[in-house]
Amino acid sequence: MIIRQEEEKDYKEVFQLVEKAFRDMEHSDHQEQFLVEKLRKSDVFIPELSLVAEDESGEIAGHILFTKIKIENDTESFESLALAPVSVQPEFQNRGIGGQLIREGHRIAKELGYRSVILLGHEKYYPKFGYEKTSNFGISFPFEIPEENGMAIELVKDGLKNIKGVVKYPKEFGID
């Protein structure tokens, strides 16, 4: 697998991939492909952090997107990243492709100067990559979720030290 930055020519294939990847997921609103489209057009989009995994034949097997978010409290606002979504074609799942995308995304994000990533996800999957509950850091979400599904990772040592607050998603996520 080659992990590379998504290009405009990939958009249609990525749309179909994301749709297929989430089609049978029970904790999905099945709108992830539209979220990716909206985020690409927004000011929180970071082209270097929209990545695809391509097999030797040139088929796109997976996609990951990290976008800018804020963590806010009464007095301060801190920049972080949201990981949403990570998608792997059904026939390529359970082969480590999602993990490759996550690790490469973390590496690039750190290189770009980002200090942390926040996500909503499966409590058994993401801890393998160093994610912990956001409640460990004093970070919460603007909506109710099971505590174990809200997670964060520090990309650098103490990347979330003394950062407490509520995750503020961009309008494209449709969360108020």
Protein backbone atom coordinates (compact mmCIF):
# COMPACT_ATOMS: atom_id res chain seq x y z
CA MET A 1 0.00 0.00 0.00
CA ILE A 2 1.12 3.50 -0.81
CA ILE A 3 -0.18 6.23 1.49
CA ARG A 4 -0.35 9.58 -0.31
CA GLN A 5 -2.16 12.89 -0.22
CA GLU A 6 -5.61 12.78 -1.79
CA GLU A 7 -5.86 14.60 -5.11
CA GLU A 8 -8.85 16.17 -6.81
CA LYS A 9 -8.96 13.30 -9.31
CA ASP A 10 -9.59 10.93 -6.36
CA TYR A 11 -12.71 12.70 -5.06
CA LYS A 12 -15.31 10.57 -6.87
CA GLU A 13 -13.60 7.28 -5.95
CA VAL A 14 -13.18 8.43 -2.32
CA PHE A 15 -16.88 9.41 -2.15
CA GLN A 16 -17.87 5.87 -3.22
CA LEU A 17 -15.31 4.28 -0.89
CA VAL A 18 -16.56 6.22 2.16
CA GLU A 19 -20.18 5.38 1.30
CA LYS A 20 -19.35 1.66 0.99
CA ALA A 21 -17.18 1.60 4.12
CA PHE A 22 -20.01 2.93 6.30
CA ARG A 23 -22.97 1.27 4.55
CA ASP A 24 -23.33 -1.54 7.11
CA MET A 25 -22.07 0.31 10.20
CA GLU A 26 -24.74 0.44 12.88
CA HIS A 27 -23.36 3.58 14.60
CA SER A 28 -23.41 5.63 11.40
CA ASP A 29 -25.81 8.15 9.94
CA HIS A 30 -24.53 7.02 6.51
CA GLN A 31 -23.70 10.63 5.62
CA GLU A 32 -19.91 10.42 6.06
CA GLN A 33 -19.24 10.77 2.32
CA PHE A 34 -21.15 14.08 2.29
CA LEU A 35 -19.25 15.25 5.39
CA VAL A 36 -15.95 14.65 3.56
CA GLU A 37 -17.21 16.75 0.62
CA LYS A 38 -18.31 19.60 2.91
CA LEU A 39 -15.06 19.56 4.88
CA ARG A 40 -12.96 19.70 1.68
CA LYS A 41 -14.64 23.00 0.80
CA SER A 42 -14.24 24.51 4.28
CA ASP A 43 -11.56 26.62 5.91
CA VAL A 44 -10.78 23.78 8.37
CA PHE A 45 -9.58 21.52 5.53
CA ILE A 46 -5.86 20.67 5.51
CA PRO A 47 -4.99 19.11 2.11
CA GLU A 48 -1.87 17.39 3.52
CA LEU A 49 -4.08 15.55 6.03
CA SER A 50 -6.54 14.09 3.53
CA LEU A 51 -4.80 10.83 2.73
CA VAL A 52 -5.55 7.78 0.62
CA ALA A 53 -4.14 4.25 0.69
CA GLU A 54 -3.61 3.00 -2.84
CA ASP A 55 -2.83 -0.60 -3.78
CA GLU A 56 -0.31 -1.59 -6.45
CA SER A 57 -3.04 -1.54 -9.14
CA GLY A 58 -3.90 2.08 -8.32
CA GLU A 59 -7.20 1.27 -6.59
CA ILE A 60 -7.94 3.40 -3.54
CA ALA A 61 -8.44 1.03 -0.62
CA GLY A 62 -8.74 3.57 2.19
CA HIS A 63 -9.07 7.26 3.10
CA ILE A 64 -8.55 9.33 6.23
CA LEU A 65 -9.30 12.96 6.97
CA PHE A 66 -8.03 15.19 9.77
CA THR A 67 -9.50 18.71 10.02
CA LYS A 68 -9.00 21.66 12.35
CA ILE A 69 -11.15 21.94 15.47
CA LYS A 70 -11.00 23.98 18.67
CA ILE A 71 -11.13 23.06 22.33
CA GLU A 72 -12.71 25.98 24.18
CA ASN A 73 -13.36 27.00 27.74
CA ASP A 74 -14.58 30.27 29.28
CA THR A 75 -11.28 32.05 28.75
CA GLU A 76 -9.24 30.21 26.14
CA SER A 77 -9.36 28.47 22.78
CA PHE A 78 -6.88 25.81 21.68
CA GLU A 79 -6.36 24.36 18.22
CA SER A 80 -6.53 20.60 17.72
CA LEU A 81 -7.49 18.18 14.97
CA ALA A 82 -10.53 15.97 14.46
CA LEU A 83 -9.99 12.56 12.91
CA ALA A 84 -13.18 11.94 10.95
CA PRO A 85 -13.72 9.75 9.10
CA VAL A 86 -11.31 6.89 8.47
CA SER A 87 -12.69 4.62 5.76
CA VAL A 88 -11.50 1.35 4.26
CA GLN A 89 -13.14 -0.48 1.35
CA PRO A 90 -15.03 -3.50 2.78
CA GLU A 91 -12.90 -5.99 0.82
CA PHE A 92 -9.70 -4.41 2.23
CA GLN A 93 -10.82 -4.24 5.87
CA ASN A 94 -8.97 -6.08 8.65
CA ARG A 95 -5.64 -5.83 6.82
CA GLY A 96 -4.13 -2.95 8.80
CA ILE A 97 -4.85 -0.24 6.22
CA GLY A 98 -6.77 1.96 8.67
CA GLY A 99 -3.84 1.73 11.07
CA GLN A 100 -1.36 2.72 8.36
CA LEU A 101 -3.51 5.74 7.52
CA ILE A 102 -3.80 6.75 11.18
CA ARG A 103 -0.06 6.44 11.85
CA GLU A 104 0.89 8.35 8.69
CA GLY A 105 -1.71 11.03 9.46
CA HIS A 106 -0.26 11.43 12.96
CA ARG A 107 3.26 11.74 11.53
CA ILE A 108 2.26 14.44 9.02
CA ALA A 109 0.11 16.30 11.58
CA LYS A 110 3.03 16.41 14.01
CA GLU A 111 5.32 17.63 11.20
CA LEU A 112 2.80 20.41 10.46
CA GLY A 113 2.94 21.49 14.11
CA TYR A 114 -0.31 20.03 15.43
CA ARG A 115 -0.16 18.82 19.02
CA SER A 116 -3.26 16.64 19.42
CA VAL A 117 -6.12 14.78 17.74
CA ILE A 118 -9.69 14.25 19.03
CA LEU A 119 -12.12 11.64 17.74
CA LEU A 120 -15.35 9.79 18.36
CA GLY A 121 -14.78 6.14 17.77
CA HIS A 122 -14.70 2.52 18.78
CA GLU A 123 -13.23 2.09 22.26
CA LYS A 124 -11.45 -1.15 21.31
CA TYR A 125 -9.84 0.08 18.07
CA TYR A 126 -8.30 3.51 18.66
CA PRO A 127 -6.43 2.84 21.93
CA LYS A 128 -4.10 0.61 19.85
CA PHE A 129 -2.76 3.86 18.38
CA GLY A 130 -2.34 5.65 21.70
CA TYR A 131 -5.79 7.22 22.05
CA GLU A 132 -7.18 7.73 25.56
CA LYS A 133 -10.54 8.93 26.84
CA THR A 134 -10.88 12.71 26.51
CA SER A 135 -12.17 12.75 30.09
CA ASN A 136 -8.58 11.88 31.16
CA PHE A 137 -7.57 15.29 29.81
CA GLY A 138 -10.58 17.31 31.02
CA ILE A 139 -12.02 17.58 27.52
CA SER A 140 -15.70 17.00 26.80
CA PHE A 141 -18.07 17.10 23.83
CA PRO A 142 -21.00 19.44 23.14
CA PHE A 143 -23.38 16.46 23.10
CA GLU A 144 -23.92 13.26 25.07
CA ILE A 145 -21.76 10.29 24.16
CA PRO A 146 -20.60 7.20 26.03
CA GLU A 147 -17.42 8.33 27.80
CA GLU A 148 -15.30 5.56 26.27
CA ASN A 149 -16.08 6.72 22.71
CA GLY A 150 -14.61 10.22 23.05
CA MET A 151 -10.85 9.94 22.62
CA ALA A 152 -7.73 12.05 22.23
CA ILE A 153 -4.05 11.57 21.58
CA GLU A 154 -1.12 13.86 22.26
CA LEU A 155 1.05 13.97 19.13
CA VAL A 156 3.83 15.59 21.16
CA LYS A 157 4.73 15.26 24.82
CA ASP A 158 2.21 17.21 26.92
CA GLY A 159 0.29 18.19 23.76
CA LEU A 160 -2.90 18.47 25.83
CA LYS A 161 -1.35 19.53 29.16
CA ASN A 162 -3.43 22.25 30.84
CA ILE A 163 -5.92 22.21 27.94
CA LYS A 164 -9.40 21.77 29.32
CA GLY A 165 -12.70 22.53 27.66
CA VAL A 166 -15.35 21.49 25.19
CA VAL A 167 -14.65 20.37 21.62
CA LYS A 168 -15.97 22.98 19.18
CA TYR A 169 -16.70 21.42 15.82
CA PRO A 170 -16.85 23.47 12.62
CA LYS A 171 -20.33 24.07 11.20
CA GLU A 172 -19.72 21.46 8.46
CA PHE A 173 -20.12 18.70 11.06
CA GLY A 174 -23.72 19.86 11.65
CA ILE A 175 -23.26 19.94 15.43
CA ASP A 176 -24.46 22.93 17.38
